[in-house]
Amino acid sequence: MNLSVAIQAGGESRRMGRDKALIPFLGEPLIARVCRRLEGLGTDLFVTSNRPQLLAFLNRPCVPDIVPDRGALGGLCTALTHARNPLVAVVACDMPFASPELLRFAREHLGSADVAIFRNGDGFEPLHALYRRDTCLPAVQEALVQDLWRVDSWFPKVKVNVLEPASYAAVDPGGRAFMNVNTPEDLLQAEALAMGIDTQEDRRR
């Protein structure tokens, strides 16, 4: 697939109290799990982080934000700028069930749009979505110049294909792909869920 994969690890992790990218998840750093799940999805997988020295163990390219201190929107700008391919899948590092199947689904349903984004009960999922680099990057840059902060604030400038739950339910039947680990309680819940899922996958191998 002619696709780059960018994993964003620039959050401040205030509710967790420590760096979510590095927090142990079933014996490995959470970001390592996300990288492993998305391995092979595209030809170019890299991480955006302002502390690349802490992520050297990943043996992945790690790039700092071009526009620092601008949250997820700044991270998205960095991801689109450094991607080597025309299409870019952007995923947050705190999604232990990040789904390559859903991102392939987004690629199949991008069509002529610039963004393929999932909607669930909480709204859009911009950090588990697919972007067309050449059209999205100028819109993101303009949003930063205008001092906008919402990661989807520039969507009116491009063509967005919204993927509704009914269209992708069969691809993510458990509804786990968009689960974020924001608090210690979230971490415990996700680990318990992952233990059951991972054990089932091992049995099928």
C-alpha atoms as a PDB file:
ATOM      1  CA  MET A   1       0.000   0.000   0.000  1.00  0.00           C
ATOM      2  CA  ASN A   2       1.383   3.412  -1.005  1.00  0.00           C
ATOM      3  CA  LEU A   3       0.985   4.687   2.535  1.00  0.00           C
ATOM      4  CA  SER A   4       2.933   6.291   5.376  1.00  0.00           C
ATOM      5  CA  VAL A   5       2.067   5.574   9.009  1.00  0.00           C
ATOM      6  CA  ALA A   6       2.677   8.271  11.632  1.00  0.00           C
ATOM      7  CA  ILE A   7       2.301   7.492  15.322  1.00  0.00           C
ATOM      8  CA  GLN A   8       1.826  10.600  17.436  1.00  0.00           C
ATOM      9  CA  ALA A   9       3.524  10.561  20.820  1.00  0.00           C
ATOM     10  CA  GLY A  10       3.446  14.234  21.711  1.00  0.00           C
ATOM     11  CA  GLY A  11       0.700  14.356  24.342  1.00  0.00           C
ATOM     12  CA  GLU A  12       1.361  15.692  27.835  1.00  0.00           C
ATOM     13  CA  SER A  13      -0.274  12.685  29.581  1.00  0.00           C
ATOM     14  CA  ARG A  14      -1.637  14.847  32.397  1.00  0.00           C
ATOM     15  CA  ARG A  15      -4.385  12.448  33.466  1.00  0.00           C
ATOM     16  CA  MET A  16      -2.060   9.452  33.378  1.00  0.00           C
ATOM     17  CA  GLY A  17       0.610  11.248  35.368  1.00  0.00           C
ATOM     18  CA  ARG A  18       3.462   9.853  33.271  1.00  0.00           C
ATOM     19  CA  ASP A  19       4.371   9.499  29.614  1.00  0.00           C
ATOM     20  CA  LYS A  20       1.730   7.303  27.996  1.00  0.00           C
ATOM     21  CA  ALA A  21       4.041   6.282  25.177  1.00  0.00           C
ATOM     22  CA  LEU A  22       6.421   4.653  27.641  1.00  0.00           C
ATOM     23  CA  ILE A  23       3.931   3.214  30.100  1.00  0.00           C
ATOM     24  CA  PRO A  24       4.217  -0.596  30.342  1.00  0.00           C
ATOM     25  CA  PHE A  25       1.365  -2.434  28.640  1.00  0.00           C
ATOM     26  CA  LEU A  26       1.451  -6.189  29.195  1.00  0.00           C
ATOM     27  CA  GLY A  27       5.221  -6.111  29.477  1.00  0.00           C
ATOM     28  CA  GLU A  28       6.117  -3.697  26.676  1.00  0.00           C
ATOM     29  CA  PRO A  29       5.940   0.086  26.254  1.00  0.00           C
ATOM     30  CA  LEU A  30       2.523   1.068  24.943  1.00  0.00           C
ATOM     31  CA  ILE A  31       3.986   2.763  21.881  1.00  0.00           C
ATOM     32  CA  ALA A  32       5.908  -0.413  21.014  1.00  0.00           C
ATOM     33  CA  ARG A  33       2.614  -2.313  20.999  1.00  0.00           C
ATOM     34  CA  VAL A  34       1.037   0.252  18.672  1.00  0.00           C
ATOM     35  CA  CYS A  35       4.045   0.096  16.327  1.00  0.00           C
ATOM     36  CA  ARG A  36       3.882  -3.687  16.282  1.00  0.00           C
ATOM     37  CA  ARG A  37       0.174  -3.704  15.468  1.00  0.00           C
ATOM     38  CA  LEU A  38       0.683  -1.340  12.528  1.00  0.00           C
ATOM     39  CA  GLU A  39       3.849  -2.986  11.232  1.00  0.00           C
ATOM     40  CA  GLY A  40       3.523  -3.723   7.527  1.00  0.00           C
ATOM     41  CA  LEU A  41       0.523  -1.453   6.990  1.00  0.00           C
ATOM     42  CA  GLY A  42       2.565   0.973   4.893  1.00  0.00           C
ATOM     43  CA  THR A  43       6.064   1.431   3.539  1.00  0.00           C
ATOM     44  CA  ASP A  44       7.028   4.267   5.902  1.00  0.00           C
ATOM     45  CA  LEU A  45       6.336   4.082   9.655  1.00  0.00           C
ATOM     46  CA  PHE A  46       7.638   6.847  11.913  1.00  0.00           C
ATOM     47  CA  VAL A  47       6.910   8.562  15.226  1.00  0.00           C
ATOM     48  CA  THR A  48       6.325  12.229  16.008  1.00  0.00           C
ATOM     49  CA  SER A  49       7.656  13.218  19.425  1.00  0.00           C
ATOM     50  CA  ASN A  50       9.502  16.110  21.040  1.00  0.00           C
ATOM     51  CA  ARG A  51      11.514  13.637  23.115  1.00  0.00           C
ATOM     52  CA  PRO A  52      13.003  11.351  20.452  1.00  0.00           C
ATOM     53  CA  GLN A  53      15.880  10.301  22.688  1.00  0.00           C
ATOM     54  CA  LEU A  54      13.432   8.434  24.935  1.00  0.00           C
ATOM     55  CA  LEU A  55      12.086   6.459  21.983  1.00  0.00           C
ATOM     56  CA  ALA A  56      15.383   5.366  20.456  1.00  0.00           C
ATOM     57  CA  PHE A  57      14.629   1.780  21.536  1.00  0.00           C
ATOM     58  CA  LEU A  58      11.927   1.609  18.851  1.00  0.00           C
ATOM     59  CA  ASN A  59      14.542   1.809  16.083  1.00  0.00           C
ATOM     60  CA  ARG A  60      12.130   3.973  14.130  1.00  0.00           C
ATOM     61  CA  PRO A  61      12.521   7.449  12.672  1.00  0.00           C
ATOM     62  CA  CYS A  62      11.343   9.908  15.325  1.00  0.00           C
ATOM     63  CA  VAL A  63      10.760  13.536  14.355  1.00  0.00           C
ATOM     64  CA  PRO A  64      10.042  16.541  16.615  1.00  0.00           C
ATOM     65  CA  ASP A  65       7.165  18.908  15.990  1.00  0.00           C
ATOM     66  CA  ILE A  66       7.773  21.548  13.350  1.00  0.00           C
ATOM     67  CA  VAL A  67       5.491  23.921  15.245  1.00  0.00           C
ATOM     68  CA  PRO A  68       6.034  23.105  18.934  1.00  0.00           C
ATOM     69  CA  ASP A  69       3.449  23.398  21.684  1.00  0.00           C
ATOM     70  CA  ARG A  70       0.461  23.208  19.344  1.00  0.00           C
ATOM     71  CA  GLY A  71      -0.942  19.905  20.528  1.00  0.00           C
ATOM     72  CA  ALA A  72      -2.368  17.290  18.203  1.00  0.00           C
ATOM     73  CA  LEU A  73      -2.766  19.763  15.335  1.00  0.00           C
ATOM     74  CA  GLY A  74       0.954  20.542  15.454  1.00  0.00           C
ATOM     75  CA  GLY A  75       1.677  16.828  15.515  1.00  0.00           C
ATOM     76  CA  LEU A  76      -0.529  16.305  12.484  1.00  0.00           C
ATOM     77  CA  CYS A  77       1.365  19.017  10.623  1.00  0.00           C
ATOM     78  CA  THR A  78       4.630  17.256  11.464  1.00  0.00           C
ATOM     79  CA  ALA A  79       3.259  13.888  10.336  1.00  0.00           C
ATOM     80  CA  LEU A  80       2.066  15.211   6.982  1.00  0.00           C
ATOM     81  CA  THR A  81       5.306  17.106   6.398  1.00  0.00           C
ATOM     82  CA  HIS A  82       7.619  14.154   7.039  1.00  0.00           C
ATOM     83  CA  ALA A  83       5.550  11.448   5.342  1.00  0.00           C
ATOM     84  CA  ARG A  84       7.169  10.031   2.230  1.00  0.00           C
ATOM     85  CA  ASN A  85       3.952   8.779   0.647  1.00  0.00           C
ATOM     86  CA  PRO A  86       0.874  10.584  -0.703  1.00  0.00           C
ATOM     87  CA  LEU A  87      -1.435   8.974   1.863  1.00  0.00           C
ATOM     88  CA  VAL A  88      -0.784   9.158   5.591  1.00  0.00           C
ATOM     89  CA  ALA A  89      -2.407   7.136   8.360  1.00  0.00           C
ATOM     90  CA  VAL A  90      -2.127   9.011  11.663  1.00  0.00           C
ATOM     91  CA  VAL A  91      -2.619   7.126  14.938  1.00  0.00           C
ATOM     92  CA  ALA A  92      -2.225   8.165  18.580  1.00  0.00           C
ATOM     93  CA  CYS A  93       0.303   6.253  20.659  1.00  0.00           C
ATOM     94  CA  ASP A  94      -2.260   5.582  23.419  1.00  0.00           C
ATOM     95  CA  MET A  95      -4.504   3.305  21.330  1.00  0.00           C
ATOM     96  CA  PRO A  96      -3.592  -0.273  22.325  1.00  0.00           C
ATOM     97  CA  PHE A  97      -6.081  -1.717  19.834  1.00  0.00           C
ATOM     98  CA  ALA A  98      -5.123   0.458  16.855  1.00  0.00           C
ATOM     99  CA  SER A  99      -6.504  -1.387  13.861  1.00  0.00           C
ATOM    100  CA  PRO A 100      -4.647  -1.927  10.576  1.00  0.00           C
ATOM    101  CA  GLU A 101      -7.846  -3.472   9.243  1.00  0.00           C
ATOM    102  CA  LEU A 102      -9.783  -0.267   9.866  1.00  0.00           C
ATOM    103  CA  LEU A 103      -7.070   1.838   8.253  1.00  0.00           C
ATOM    104  CA  ARG A 104      -7.129  -0.411   5.195  1.00  0.00           C
ATOM    105  CA  PHE A 105     -10.900   0.056   5.185  1.00  0.00           C
ATOM    106  CA  ALA A 106     -10.362   3.828   5.245  1.00  0.00           C
ATOM    107  CA  ARG A 107      -7.986   3.531   2.287  1.00  0.00           C
ATOM    108  CA  GLU A 108     -10.556   1.552   0.337  1.00  0.00           C
ATOM    109  CA  HIS A 109     -13.219   4.190   1.037  1.00  0.00           C
ATOM    110  CA  LEU A 110     -11.156   7.346   0.581  1.00  0.00           C
ATOM    111  CA  GLY A 111     -12.175   7.725  -3.049  1.00  0.00           C
ATOM    112  CA  SER A 112     -11.605  11.296  -4.245  1.00  0.00           C
ATOM    113  CA  ALA A 113     -11.756  12.700  -0.702  1.00  0.00           C
ATOM    114  CA  ASP A 114      -8.815  14.219   1.163  1.00  0.00           C
ATOM    115  CA  VAL A 115      -9.658  12.695   4.547  1.00  0.00           C
ATOM    116  CA  ALA A 116     -11.254   9.383   5.506  1.00  0.00           C
ATOM    117  CA  ILE A 117     -12.258   9.621   9.143  1.00  0.00           C
ATOM    118  CA  PHE A 118     -14.263   7.394  11.436  1.00  0.00           C
ATOM    119  CA  ARG A 119     -17.124   8.641  13.554  1.00  0.00           C
ATOM    120  CA  ASN A 120     -18.206   6.852  16.704  1.00  0.00           C
ATOM    121  CA  GLY A 121     -20.338   7.725  19.711  1.00  0.00           C
ATOM    122  CA  ASP A 122     -17.771  10.289  20.871  1.00  0.00           C
ATOM    123  CA  GLY A 123     -17.490  12.046  17.500  1.00  0.00           C
ATOM    124  CA  PHE A 124     -14.661  12.052  14.973  1.00  0.00           C
ATOM    125  CA  GLU A 125     -11.469  10.025  15.463  1.00  0.00           C
ATOM    126  CA  PRO A 126      -8.819  12.268  13.846  1.00  0.00           C
ATOM    127  CA  LEU A 127      -5.980  10.302  15.440  1.00  0.00           C
ATOM    128  CA  HIS A 128      -7.023   7.042  13.826  1.00  0.00           C
ATOM    129  CA  ALA A 129      -7.643   8.361  10.339  1.00  0.00           C
ATOM    130  CA  LEU A 130      -6.290   8.642   6.811  1.00  0.00           C
ATOM    131  CA  TYR A 131      -5.113  11.873   5.151  1.00  0.00           C
ATOM    132  CA  ARG A 132      -4.086  12.885   1.648  1.00  0.00           C
ATOM    133  CA  ARG A 133      -0.813  14.709   2.239  1.00  0.00           C
ATOM    134  CA  ASP A 134      -0.708  17.243  -0.594  1.00  0.00           C
ATOM    135  CA  THR A 135      -4.175  18.677  -0.002  1.00  0.00           C
ATOM    136  CA  CYS A 136      -4.352  18.371   3.781  1.00  0.00           C
ATOM    137  CA  LEU A 137      -0.965  19.847   4.658  1.00  0.00           C
ATOM    138  CA  PRO A 138      -1.672  23.378   3.337  1.00  0.00           C
ATOM    139  CA  ALA A 139      -5.013  23.431   5.167  1.00  0.00           C
ATOM    140  CA  VAL A 140      -3.366  22.323   8.423  1.00  0.00           C
ATOM    141  CA  GLN A 141      -0.612  24.927   8.029  1.00  0.00           C
ATOM    142  CA  GLU A 142      -3.204  27.630   7.480  1.00  0.00           C
ATOM    143  CA  ALA A 143      -5.085  26.555  10.618  1.00  0.00           C
ATOM    144  CA  LEU A 144      -1.886  26.849  12.644  1.00  0.00           C
ATOM    145  CA  VAL A 145      -1.211  30.331  11.268  1.00  0.00           C
ATOM    146  CA  GLN A 146      -4.757  31.306  12.264  1.00  0.00           C
ATOM    147  CA  ASP A 147      -4.013  30.061  15.797  1.00  0.00           C
ATOM    148  CA  LEU A 148      -6.651  27.349  15.661  1.00  0.00           C
ATOM    149  CA  TRP A 149      -6.229  24.413  18.029  1.00  0.00           C
ATOM    150  CA  ARG A 150      -8.854  21.782  17.256  1.00  0.00           C
ATOM    151  CA  VAL A 151      -7.278  18.990  15.268  1.00  0.00           C
ATOM    152  CA  ASP A 152     -10.291  18.985  12.905  1.00  0.00           C
ATOM    153  CA  SER A 153     -10.633  22.786  12.657  1.00  0.00           C
ATOM    154  CA  TRP A 154      -9.462  22.764   9.037  1.00  0.00           C
ATOM    155  CA  PHE A 155     -11.871  20.117   7.773  1.00  0.00           C
ATOM    156  CA  PRO A 156     -14.141  22.680   6.020  1.00  0.00           C
ATOM    157  CA  LYS A 157     -11.212  23.469   3.704  1.00  0.00           C
ATOM    158  CA  VAL A 158     -10.980  19.943   2.284  1.00  0.00           C
ATOM    159  CA  LYS A 159     -13.205  17.074   1.187  1.00  0.00           C
ATOM    160  CA  VAL A 160     -13.911  14.729   4.079  1.00  0.00           C
ATOM    161  CA  ASN A 161     -15.386  11.245   3.804  1.00  0.00           C
ATOM    162  CA  VAL A 162     -16.994  10.412   7.147  1.00  0.00           C
ATOM    163  CA  LEU A 163     -17.159   6.676   7.857  1.00  0.00           C
ATOM    164  CA  GLU A 164     -20.179   5.960  10.036  1.00  0.00           C
ATOM    165  CA  PRO A 165     -20.331   3.105  12.578  1.00  0.00           C
ATOM    166  CA  ALA A 166     -22.734   1.031  10.515  1.00  0.00           C
ATOM    167  CA  SER A 167     -20.277   0.952   7.616  1.00  0.00           C
ATOM    168  CA  TYR A 168     -17.303  -0.381   9.587  1.00  0.00           C
ATOM    169  CA  ALA A 169     -18.921  -2.392  12.397  1.00  0.00           C
ATOM    170  CA  ALA A 170     -17.941  -5.696  10.794  1.00  0.00           C
ATOM    171  CA  VAL A 171     -14.288  -4.592  10.600  1.00  0.00           C
ATOM    172  CA  ASP A 172     -14.136  -3.639  14.287  1.00  0.00           C
ATOM    173  CA  PRO A 173     -16.849  -5.852  15.808  1.00  0.00           C
ATOM    174  CA  GLY A 174     -15.732  -5.308  19.392  1.00  0.00           C
ATOM    175  CA  GLY A 175     -15.551  -1.532  19.001  1.00  0.00           C
ATOM    176  CA  ARG A 176     -12.111  -1.496  20.581  1.00  0.00           C
ATOM    177  CA  ALA A 177      -9.972   0.256  17.970  1.00  0.00           C
ATOM    178  CA  PHE A 178     -10.646   3.772  19.266  1.00  0.00           C
ATOM    179  CA  MET A 179     -10.084   3.000  22.939  1.00  0.00           C
ATOM    180  CA  ASN A 180      -7.644   5.488  24.486  1.00  0.00           C
ATOM    181  CA  VAL A 181      -5.565   4.853  27.584  1.00  0.00           C
ATOM    182  CA  ASN A 182      -5.806   8.204  29.374  1.00  0.00           C
ATOM    183  CA  THR A 183      -5.864   7.199  33.052  1.00  0.00           C
ATOM    184  CA  PRO A 184      -4.508   4.371  35.227  1.00  0.00           C
ATOM    185  CA  GLU A 185      -8.039   2.961  35.304  1.00  0.00           C
ATOM    186  CA  ASP A 186      -8.170   2.947  31.500  1.00  0.00           C
ATOM    187  CA  LEU A 187      -4.850   1.115  31.469  1.00  0.00           C
ATOM    188  CA  LEU A 188      -6.072  -1.652  33.755  1.00  0.00           C
ATOM    189  CA  GLN A 189      -9.256  -2.093  31.741  1.00  0.00           C
ATOM    190  CA  ALA A 190      -7.397  -2.208  28.416  1.00  0.00           C
ATOM    191  CA  GLU A 191      -4.817  -4.690  29.699  1.00  0.00           C
ATOM    192  CA  ALA A 192      -7.526  -7.011  30.965  1.00  0.00           C
ATOM    193  CA  LEU A 193      -9.280  -6.802  27.603  1.00  0.00           C
ATOM    194  CA  ALA A 194      -6.052  -7.314  25.668  1.00  0.00           C
ATOM    195  CA  MET A 195      -5.136 -10.416  27.667  1.00  0.00           C
ATOM    196  CA  GLY A 196      -8.273 -12.123  26.452  1.00  0.00           C
ATOM    197  CA  ILE A 197      -7.908 -10.959  22.862  1.00  0.00           C
ATOM    198  CA  ASP A 198      -4.203 -11.733  22.576  1.00  0.00           C
ATOM    199  CA  THR A 199      -4.685 -15.208  24.042  1.00  0.00           C
ATOM    200  CA  GLN A 200      -7.386 -15.940  21.467  1.00  0.00           C
ATOM    201  CA  GLU A 201      -5.103 -14.764  18.656  1.00  0.00           C
ATOM    202  CA  ASP A 202      -2.280 -16.986  19.895  1.00  0.00           C
ATOM    203  CA  ARG A 203      -4.595 -19.995  19.886  1.00  0.00           C
ATOM    204  CA  ARG A 204      -5.571 -19.308  16.262  1.00  0.00           C
ATOM    205  CA  ARG A 205      -1.948 -19.231  15.085  1.00  0.00           C
END
